[in-house]
Amino acid sequence: MKRRGVLAGMTAFLAAGCQKVSESTTGRSLLDAAQGWHQGANRLLGGRTGMAKEYDRSERSPFFRGNGSVNPQNGDYQEQVAASFANWRLEVGGLVNNPMSLSLENIRALPQRTQITRHDCVEGWSAIGEWTGPQLSTLLEAAGVQDNARYIVFRCADNLNGQDYYESVDMIDAYHPQTIVAHLLNGEPLPVRNGAPLRMRIEKQLGYKHPKYLTGIEAVASLDDIGDGKGGYWEDRAGYQWYAGI
């Protein structure tokens, strides 16, 4: 089995078993140690800029399923859908020198990257899709991330079980060349089920690390005061690993 498959399977196993194990202090310590080992092994084997496999267009999945939120009903999202996202804004802020508020036109006007990659879900399914959008590094460089920023937090429009969805990555994954703010799937605007109008593609991590319905990108020094302090919606609620590298 190839390295990506091995790491994907290991990460899915750890994430699936996290909720029960994390109920004890000992279990939490074991999971933290396992996450540290996993992150170190992934970075050692793949390098800081190791690339996820990219595929040919002929290998794209005929249907790319949605998962989690597939049609948010909270806030003004349905109004945004009705207006074809003409008023959608992506806020870039936090520990940056030049906060930005970007329209979809602004996003489309940036240099674009297209990549055909496999999405691996912690639930066990996968799909191959063609994603297009600017590299996250382009936005971060324009915003001027400050030296004390250690993480990038992604804010989202969807709300699950009364909690706004969010995710986060470290600077290595934030500046990875395959980390993009996607607005096209298979050459067409993102469908609502797949996160319209913007979602993250963080190709070196499992699917729950690819937040949809993106509204904000925030540079922070610590994750401690965000949500429950574990770095993401599923990490907070179900004990999933914060680092889900594959």
C-alpha atoms as a PDB file:
ATOM      1  CA  MET A   1       0.000   0.000   0.000  1.00  0.00           C
ATOM      2  CA  LYS A   2       1.298   3.459  -0.855  1.00  0.00           C
ATOM      3  CA  ARG A   3       2.326   5.884   1.885  1.00  0.00           C
ATOM      4  CA  ARG A   4      -0.727   8.144   1.393  1.00  0.00           C
ATOM      5  CA  GLY A   5      -3.065   5.180   1.819  1.00  0.00           C
ATOM      6  CA  VAL A   6      -1.260   3.989   4.938  1.00  0.00           C
ATOM      7  CA  LEU A   7      -1.346   7.420   6.569  1.00  0.00           C
ATOM      8  CA  ALA A   8      -4.963   8.015   5.520  1.00  0.00           C
ATOM      9  CA  GLY A   9      -6.012   4.726   7.073  1.00  0.00           C
ATOM     10  CA  MET A  10      -4.050   5.379  10.256  1.00  0.00           C
ATOM     11  CA  THR A  11      -5.490   8.870  10.612  1.00  0.00           C
ATOM     12  CA  ALA A  12      -9.037   7.680  10.010  1.00  0.00           C
ATOM     13  CA  PHE A  13      -8.590   4.955  12.618  1.00  0.00           C
ATOM     14  CA  LEU A  14      -7.257   7.410  15.185  1.00  0.00           C
ATOM     15  CA  ALA A  15      -9.994   9.953  14.470  1.00  0.00           C
ATOM     16  CA  ALA A  16     -12.759   7.358  14.608  1.00  0.00           C
ATOM     17  CA  GLY A  17     -11.559   6.102  17.971  1.00  0.00           C
ATOM     18  CA  CYS A  18     -10.870   9.486  19.512  1.00  0.00           C
ATOM     19  CA  GLN A  19     -14.221  10.217  21.114  1.00  0.00           C
ATOM     20  CA  LYS A  20     -14.262   7.321  23.600  1.00  0.00           C
ATOM     21  CA  VAL A  21     -10.557   7.338  24.335  1.00  0.00           C
ATOM     22  CA  SER A  22     -10.460  11.083  24.947  1.00  0.00           C
ATOM     23  CA  GLU A  23     -12.934  10.805  27.813  1.00  0.00           C
ATOM     24  CA  SER A  24     -10.082   9.943  30.213  1.00  0.00           C
ATOM     25  CA  THR A  25      -7.006  11.982  31.081  1.00  0.00           C
ATOM     26  CA  THR A  26      -4.781   9.025  30.218  1.00  0.00           C
ATOM     27  CA  GLY A  27      -6.570   8.556  26.912  1.00  0.00           C
ATOM     28  CA  ARG A  28      -6.166  12.233  26.090  1.00  0.00           C
ATOM     29  CA  SER A  29      -2.435  12.022  26.772  1.00  0.00           C
ATOM     30  CA  LEU A  30      -2.129   8.961  24.536  1.00  0.00           C
ATOM     31  CA  LEU A  31      -3.976  10.723  21.715  1.00  0.00           C
ATOM     32  CA  ASP A  32      -1.803  13.805  22.042  1.00  0.00           C
ATOM     33  CA  ALA A  33       1.318  11.630  21.864  1.00  0.00           C
ATOM     34  CA  ALA A  34      -0.063   9.739  18.852  1.00  0.00           C
ATOM     35  CA  GLN A  35      -0.873  12.997  17.089  1.00  0.00           C
ATOM     36  CA  GLY A  36       2.636  14.301  17.691  1.00  0.00           C
ATOM     37  CA  TRP A  37       4.131  11.082  16.315  1.00  0.00           C
ATOM     38  CA  HIS A  38       1.804  11.162  13.307  1.00  0.00           C
ATOM     39  CA  GLN A  39       2.616  14.787  12.483  1.00  0.00           C
ATOM     40  CA  GLY A  40       6.346  14.161  12.817  1.00  0.00           C
ATOM     41  CA  ALA A  41       6.217  11.004  10.698  1.00  0.00           C
ATOM     42  CA  ASN A  42       4.172  12.677   7.979  1.00  0.00           C
ATOM     43  CA  ARG A  43       6.504  15.649   7.748  1.00  0.00           C
ATOM     44  CA  LEU A  44       9.578  13.397   7.843  1.00  0.00           C
ATOM     45  CA  LEU A  45       8.317  11.086   5.082  1.00  0.00           C
ATOM     46  CA  GLY A  46       6.764  13.735   2.849  1.00  0.00           C
ATOM     47  CA  GLY A  47       8.854  16.772   3.639  1.00  0.00           C
ATOM     48  CA  ARG A  48       7.496  20.223   4.401  1.00  0.00           C
ATOM     49  CA  THR A  49       6.520  20.734   0.754  1.00  0.00           C
ATOM     50  CA  GLY A  50       5.835  17.129  -0.323  1.00  0.00           C
ATOM     51  CA  MET A  51       3.002  17.116  -2.833  1.00  0.00           C
ATOM     52  CA  ALA A  52      -0.225  15.132  -2.758  1.00  0.00           C
ATOM     53  CA  LYS A  53      -0.729  13.028  -5.877  1.00  0.00           C
ATOM     54  CA  GLU A  54      -2.453  14.780  -8.753  1.00  0.00           C
ATOM     55  CA  TYR A  55      -4.579  12.923 -11.295  1.00  0.00           C
ATOM     56  CA  ASP A  56      -5.615  13.105 -14.934  1.00  0.00           C
ATOM     57  CA  ARG A  57      -8.979  14.614 -15.880  1.00  0.00           C
ATOM     58  CA  SER A  58     -10.088  11.208 -17.102  1.00  0.00           C
ATOM     59  CA  GLU A  59      -9.829   9.975 -13.491  1.00  0.00           C
ATOM     60  CA  ARG A  60     -12.230  12.516 -11.988  1.00  0.00           C
ATOM     61  CA  SER A  61     -15.148  11.009 -10.068  1.00  0.00           C
ATOM     62  CA  PRO A  62     -18.485  11.256 -11.924  1.00  0.00           C
ATOM     63  CA  PHE A  63     -20.105  12.683  -8.785  1.00  0.00           C
ATOM     64  CA  PHE A  64     -18.441  14.465  -5.870  1.00  0.00           C
ATOM     65  CA  ARG A  65     -20.671  13.936  -2.863  1.00  0.00           C
ATOM     66  CA  GLY A  66     -21.266  16.475  -0.152  1.00  0.00           C
ATOM     67  CA  ASN A  67     -20.737  15.723   3.520  1.00  0.00           C
ATOM     68  CA  GLY A  68     -21.534  17.394   6.827  1.00  0.00           C
ATOM     69  CA  SER A  69     -23.347  20.640   6.004  1.00  0.00           C
ATOM     70  CA  VAL A  70     -24.711  20.462   2.471  1.00  0.00           C
ATOM     71  CA  ASN A  71     -27.144  23.427   2.451  1.00  0.00           C
ATOM     72  CA  PRO A  72     -26.777  25.820   5.417  1.00  0.00           C
ATOM     73  CA  GLN A  73     -29.999  27.378   6.665  1.00  0.00           C
ATOM     74  CA  ASN A  74     -28.482  29.720   9.249  1.00  0.00           C
ATOM     75  CA  GLY A  75     -27.625  33.407   8.920  1.00  0.00           C
ATOM     76  CA  ASP A  76     -28.085  34.964   5.491  1.00  0.00           C
ATOM     77  CA  TYR A  77     -26.678  32.047   3.538  1.00  0.00           C
ATOM     78  CA  GLN A  78     -29.907  31.330   1.632  1.00  0.00           C
ATOM     79  CA  GLU A  79     -30.128  35.016   0.677  1.00  0.00           C
ATOM     80  CA  GLN A  80     -26.564  34.808  -0.600  1.00  0.00           C
ATOM     81  CA  VAL A  81     -27.470  31.763  -2.694  1.00  0.00           C
ATOM     82  CA  ALA A  82     -30.476  33.598  -4.156  1.00  0.00           C
ATOM     83  CA  ALA A  83     -28.214  36.523  -5.101  1.00  0.00           C
ATOM     84  CA  SER A  84     -25.646  34.170  -6.708  1.00  0.00           C
ATOM     85  CA  PHE A  85     -23.192  35.208  -3.975  1.00  0.00           C
ATOM     86  CA  ALA A  86     -22.861  38.706  -5.453  1.00  0.00           C
ATOM     87  CA  ASN A  87     -22.401  40.155  -1.953  1.00  0.00           C
ATOM     88  CA  TRP A  88     -20.159  37.440  -0.513  1.00  0.00           C
ATOM     89  CA  ARG A  89     -17.046  38.687   1.254  1.00  0.00           C
ATOM     90  CA  LEU A  90     -13.947  36.873   2.451  1.00  0.00           C
ATOM     91  CA  GLU A  91     -12.337  38.664   5.374  1.00  0.00           C
ATOM     92  CA  VAL A  92      -8.600  38.211   5.943  1.00  0.00           C
ATOM     93  CA  GLY A  93      -7.480  39.480   9.324  1.00  0.00           C
ATOM     94  CA  GLY A  94      -6.050  38.722  12.727  1.00  0.00           C
ATOM     95  CA  LEU A  95      -2.292  39.137  13.063  1.00  0.00           C
ATOM     96  CA  VAL A  96      -1.767  40.777   9.667  1.00  0.00           C
ATOM     97  CA  ASN A  97      -0.477  44.181   8.626  1.00  0.00           C
ATOM     98  CA  ASN A  98      -3.029  44.701   5.861  1.00  0.00           C
ATOM     99  CA  PRO A  99      -6.512  43.328   6.670  1.00  0.00           C
ATOM    100  CA  MET A 100      -8.516  42.624   3.528  1.00  0.00           C
ATOM    101  CA  SER A 101     -12.158  42.178   2.549  1.00  0.00           C
ATOM    102  CA  LEU A 102     -12.359  40.348  -0.771  1.00  0.00           C
ATOM    103  CA  SER A 103     -15.269  39.818  -3.156  1.00  0.00           C
ATOM    104  CA  LEU A 104     -15.572  36.784  -5.403  1.00  0.00           C
ATOM    105  CA  GLU A 105     -14.411  38.990  -8.267  1.00  0.00           C
ATOM    106  CA  ASN A 106     -11.273  39.806  -6.281  1.00  0.00           C
ATOM    107  CA  ILE A 107     -10.681  36.087  -5.674  1.00  0.00           C
ATOM    108  CA  ARG A 108     -11.138  35.233  -9.358  1.00  0.00           C
ATOM    109  CA  ALA A 109      -8.761  38.022 -10.411  1.00  0.00           C
ATOM    110  CA  LEU A 110      -5.839  36.544  -8.449  1.00  0.00           C
ATOM    111  CA  PRO A 111      -3.381  34.058 -10.002  1.00  0.00           C
ATOM    112  CA  GLN A 112      -5.129  30.684 -10.048  1.00  0.00           C
ATOM    113  CA  ARG A 113      -3.991  27.119  -9.434  1.00  0.00           C
ATOM    114  CA  THR A 114      -5.861  24.085 -10.774  1.00  0.00           C
ATOM    115  CA  GLN A 115      -5.222  20.664  -9.243  1.00  0.00           C
ATOM    116  CA  ILE A 116      -6.922  17.284  -9.590  1.00  0.00           C
ATOM    117  CA  THR A 117      -6.668  15.491  -6.266  1.00  0.00           C
ATOM    118  CA  ARG A 118      -8.294  12.790  -4.164  1.00  0.00           C
ATOM    119  CA  HIS A 119     -10.455  13.766  -1.215  1.00  0.00           C
ATOM    120  CA  ASP A 120     -10.199  11.206   1.616  1.00  0.00           C
ATOM    121  CA  CYS A 121     -12.993  11.320   4.185  1.00  0.00           C
ATOM    122  CA  VAL A 122     -12.582  10.038   7.732  1.00  0.00           C
ATOM    123  CA  GLU A 123     -15.828   8.085   7.145  1.00  0.00           C
ATOM    124  CA  GLY A 124     -14.015   5.893   4.625  1.00  0.00           C
ATOM    125  CA  TRP A 125     -15.037   7.225   1.202  1.00  0.00           C
ATOM    126  CA  SER A 126     -12.957   9.118  -1.342  1.00  0.00           C
ATOM    127  CA  ALA A 127     -13.502  11.061  -4.558  1.00  0.00           C
ATOM    128  CA  ILE A 128     -11.298  12.735  -7.147  1.00  0.00           C
ATOM    129  CA  GLY A 129     -12.086  16.306  -8.178  1.00  0.00           C
ATOM    130  CA  GLU A 130     -10.556  19.176 -10.115  1.00  0.00           C
ATOM    131  CA  TRP A 131     -10.250  22.282  -7.943  1.00  0.00           C
ATOM    132  CA  THR A 132      -9.370  25.833  -8.978  1.00  0.00           C
ATOM    133  CA  GLY A 133      -8.573  28.887  -6.895  1.00  0.00           C
ATOM    134  CA  PRO A 134      -5.747  31.099  -5.642  1.00  0.00           C
ATOM    135  CA  GLN A 135      -3.108  29.654  -3.360  1.00  0.00           C
ATOM    136  CA  LEU A 136      -3.703  30.620   0.255  1.00  0.00           C
ATOM    137  CA  SER A 137      -0.108  31.829   0.377  1.00  0.00           C
ATOM    138  CA  THR A 138      -0.986  34.546  -2.160  1.00  0.00           C
ATOM    139  CA  LEU A 139      -3.618  35.984   0.200  1.00  0.00           C
ATOM    140  CA  LEU A 140      -1.387  35.673   3.255  1.00  0.00           C
ATOM    141  CA  GLU A 141       1.510  37.416   1.541  1.00  0.00           C
ATOM    142  CA  ALA A 142      -0.769  40.261   0.423  1.00  0.00           C
ATOM    143  CA  ALA A 143      -2.123  40.605   3.958  1.00  0.00           C
ATOM    144  CA  GLY A 144       1.352  40.595   5.506  1.00  0.00           C
ATOM    145  CA  VAL A 145       1.186  37.936   8.213  1.00  0.00           C
ATOM    146  CA  GLN A 146       3.001  39.055  11.345  1.00  0.00           C
ATOM    147  CA  ASP A 147       5.929  37.117  12.768  1.00  0.00           C
ATOM    148  CA  ASN A 148       4.082  36.039  15.926  1.00  0.00           C
ATOM    149  CA  ALA A 149       1.303  34.269  13.993  1.00  0.00           C
ATOM    150  CA  ARG A 150       1.564  30.479  14.318  1.00  0.00           C
ATOM    151  CA  TYR A 151      -1.772  29.269  12.917  1.00  0.00           C
ATOM    152  CA  ILE A 152      -4.353  30.138  10.288  1.00  0.00           C
ATOM    153  CA  VAL A 153      -7.993  29.802  11.344  1.00  0.00           C
ATOM    154  CA  PHE A 154     -10.784  29.377   8.787  1.00  0.00           C
ATOM    155  CA  ARG A 155     -14.226  30.804   9.594  1.00  0.00           C
ATOM    156  CA  CYS A 156     -17.310  29.394   7.880  1.00  0.00           C
ATOM    157  CA  ALA A 157     -20.949  30.297   7.266  1.00  0.00           C
ATOM    158  CA  ASP A 158     -22.379  26.921   8.299  1.00  0.00           C
ATOM    159  CA  ASN A 159     -23.554  26.164  11.804  1.00  0.00           C
ATOM    160  CA  LEU A 160     -23.831  22.590  13.067  1.00  0.00           C
ATOM    161  CA  ASN A 161     -25.616  21.753  16.314  1.00  0.00           C
ATOM    162  CA  GLY A 162     -25.489  25.368  17.414  1.00  0.00           C
ATOM    163  CA  GLN A 163     -21.756  25.836  16.814  1.00  0.00           C
ATOM    164  CA  ASP A 164     -20.172  27.697  13.907  1.00  0.00           C
ATOM    165  CA  TYR A 165     -17.874  25.502  11.851  1.00  0.00           C
ATOM    166  CA  TYR A 166     -14.207  26.413  11.875  1.00  0.00           C
ATOM    167  CA  GLU A 167     -10.861  24.780  11.218  1.00  0.00           C
ATOM    168  CA  SER A 168      -7.181  25.641  11.464  1.00  0.00           C
ATOM    169  CA  VAL A 169      -3.737  24.661  10.183  1.00  0.00           C
ATOM    170  CA  ASP A 170      -0.169  25.563  10.992  1.00  0.00           C
ATOM    171  CA  MET A 171       1.982  27.751   8.767  1.00  0.00           C
ATOM    172  CA  ILE A 172       3.555  24.805   6.960  1.00  0.00           C
ATOM    173  CA  ASP A 173       0.204  23.651   5.600  1.00  0.00           C
ATOM    174  CA  ALA A 174      -1.035  27.228   5.135  1.00  0.00           C
ATOM    175  CA  TYR A 175       1.835  28.020   2.771  1.00  0.00           C
ATOM    176  CA  HIS A 176       1.840  24.622   1.034  1.00  0.00           C
ATOM    177  CA  PRO A 177       1.506  25.079  -2.763  1.00  0.00           C
ATOM    178  CA  GLN A 178      -1.555  22.788  -2.903  1.00  0.00           C
ATOM    179  CA  THR A 179      -3.452  24.712  -0.213  1.00  0.00           C
ATOM    180  CA  ILE A 180      -5.907  26.813  -2.200  1.00  0.00           C
ATOM    181  CA  VAL A 181      -9.109  28.811  -1.737  1.00  0.00           C
ATOM    182  CA  ALA A 182     -11.249  26.919  -4.247  1.00  0.00           C
ATOM    183  CA  HIS A 183     -14.177  28.482  -6.097  1.00  0.00           C
ATOM    184  CA  LEU A 184     -14.441  26.002  -9.001  1.00  0.00           C
ATOM    185  CA  LEU A 185     -15.031  22.239  -8.983  1.00  0.00           C
ATOM    186  CA  ASN A 186     -14.467  20.458 -12.289  1.00  0.00           C
ATOM    187  CA  GLY A 187     -14.406  23.807 -14.069  1.00  0.00           C
ATOM    188  CA  GLU A 188     -17.769  25.008 -12.698  1.00  0.00           C
ATOM    189  CA  PRO A 189     -18.684  27.223  -9.723  1.00  0.00           C
ATOM    190  CA  LEU A 190     -18.779  25.185  -6.527  1.00  0.00           C
ATOM    191  CA  PRO A 191     -22.161  23.538  -5.912  1.00  0.00           C
ATOM    192  CA  VAL A 192     -23.817  24.396  -2.612  1.00  0.00           C
ATOM    193  CA  ARG A 193     -23.327  20.831  -1.348  1.00  0.00           C
ATOM    194  CA  ASN A 194     -19.568  21.190  -1.869  1.00  0.00           C
ATOM    195  CA  GLY A 195     -19.200  24.524  -0.076  1.00  0.00           C
ATOM    196  CA  ALA A 196     -20.239  27.347  -2.432  1.00  0.00           C
ATOM    197  CA  PRO A 197     -18.963  29.871  -3.058  1.00  0.00           C
ATOM    198  CA  LEU A 198     -15.562  29.249  -1.411  1.00  0.00           C
ATOM    199  CA  ARG A 199     -13.934  26.348   0.391  1.00  0.00           C
ATOM    200  CA  MET A 200     -10.451  25.389   1.413  1.00  0.00           C
ATOM    201  CA  ARG A 201      -8.526  22.603  -0.249  1.00  0.00           C
ATOM    202  CA  ILE A 202      -5.731  21.441   2.044  1.00  0.00           C
ATOM    203  CA  GLU A 203      -4.597  18.455   0.040  1.00  0.00           C
ATOM    204  CA  LYS A 204      -2.147  17.104   2.598  1.00  0.00           C
ATOM    205  CA  GLN A 205      -4.922  16.505   5.149  1.00  0.00           C
ATOM    206  CA  LEU A 206      -8.138  14.494   5.532  1.00  0.00           C
ATOM    207  CA  GLY A 207     -11.474  15.897   4.389  1.00  0.00           C
ATOM    208  CA  TYR A 208     -12.698  17.404   7.641  1.00  0.00           C
ATOM    209  CA  LYS A 209      -9.738  19.807   7.476  1.00  0.00           C
ATOM    210  CA  HIS A 210     -11.123  21.308   4.214  1.00  0.00           C
ATOM    211  CA  PRO A 211     -13.722  23.795   5.542  1.00  0.00           C
ATOM    212  CA  LYS A 212     -16.594  24.881   3.291  1.00  0.00           C
ATOM    213  CA  TYR A 213     -18.683  28.088   2.986  1.00  0.00           C
ATOM    214  CA  LEU A 214     -15.562  30.109   3.770  1.00  0.00           C
ATOM    215  CA  THR A 215     -16.102  33.619   5.166  1.00  0.00           C
ATOM    216  CA  GLY A 216     -12.886  34.395   7.024  1.00  0.00           C
ATOM    217  CA  ILE A 217      -9.174  33.676   7.245  1.00  0.00           C
ATOM    218  CA  GLU A 218      -7.529  34.703  10.508  1.00  0.00           C
ATOM    219  CA  ALA A 219      -3.867  34.598  11.523  1.00  0.00           C
ATOM    220  CA  VAL A 220      -3.480  33.846  15.248  1.00  0.00           C
ATOM    221  CA  ALA A 221      -0.722  33.138  17.760  1.00  0.00           C
ATOM    222  CA  SER A 222      -2.711  30.494  19.679  1.00  0.00           C
ATOM    223  CA  LEU A 223      -5.789  28.308  19.290  1.00  0.00           C
ATOM    224  CA  ASP A 224      -6.536  28.225  23.025  1.00  0.00           C
ATOM    225  CA  ASP A 225      -9.309  30.858  23.010  1.00  0.00           C
ATOM    226  CA  ILE A 226     -11.018  29.732  19.791  1.00  0.00           C
ATOM    227  CA  GLY A 227     -13.952  27.355  20.172  1.00  0.00           C
ATOM    228  CA  ASP A 228     -12.977  24.812  22.805  1.00  0.00           C
ATOM    229  CA  GLY A 229      -9.305  25.354  22.069  1.00  0.00           C
ATOM    230  CA  LYS A 230      -8.658  22.158  20.102  1.00  0.00           C
ATOM    231  CA  GLY A 231      -8.380  23.772  16.673  1.00  0.00           C
ATOM    232  CA  GLY A 232     -11.563  22.808  14.848  1.00  0.00           C
ATOM    233  CA  TYR A 233     -15.245  21.913  15.013  1.00  0.00           C
ATOM    234  CA  TRP A 234     -14.769  18.119  15.015  1.00  0.00           C
ATOM    235  CA  GLU A 235     -11.688  18.343  17.180  1.00  0.00           C
ATOM    236  CA  ASP A 236     -13.760  20.213  19.789  1.00  0.00           C
ATOM    237  CA  ARG A 237     -16.889  18.060  19.579  1.00  0.00           C
ATOM    238  CA  ALA A 238     -15.639  14.559  18.788  1.00  0.00           C
ATOM    239  CA  GLY A 239     -11.986  14.484  19.734  1.00  0.00           C
ATOM    240  CA  TYR A 240     -10.707  14.217  16.159  1.00  0.00           C
ATOM    241  CA  GLN A 241      -6.995  14.793  15.704  1.00  0.00           C
ATOM    242  CA  TRP A 242      -6.072  18.392  14.959  1.00  0.00           C
ATOM    243  CA  TYR A 243      -3.338  17.200  12.604  1.00  0.00           C
ATOM    244  CA  ALA A 244      -4.916  14.909   9.995  1.00  0.00           C
ATOM    245  CA  GLY A 245      -2.052  14.674   7.525  1.00  0.00           C
ATOM    246  CA  ILE A 246      -2.035  12.036   4.784  1.00  0.00           C
END
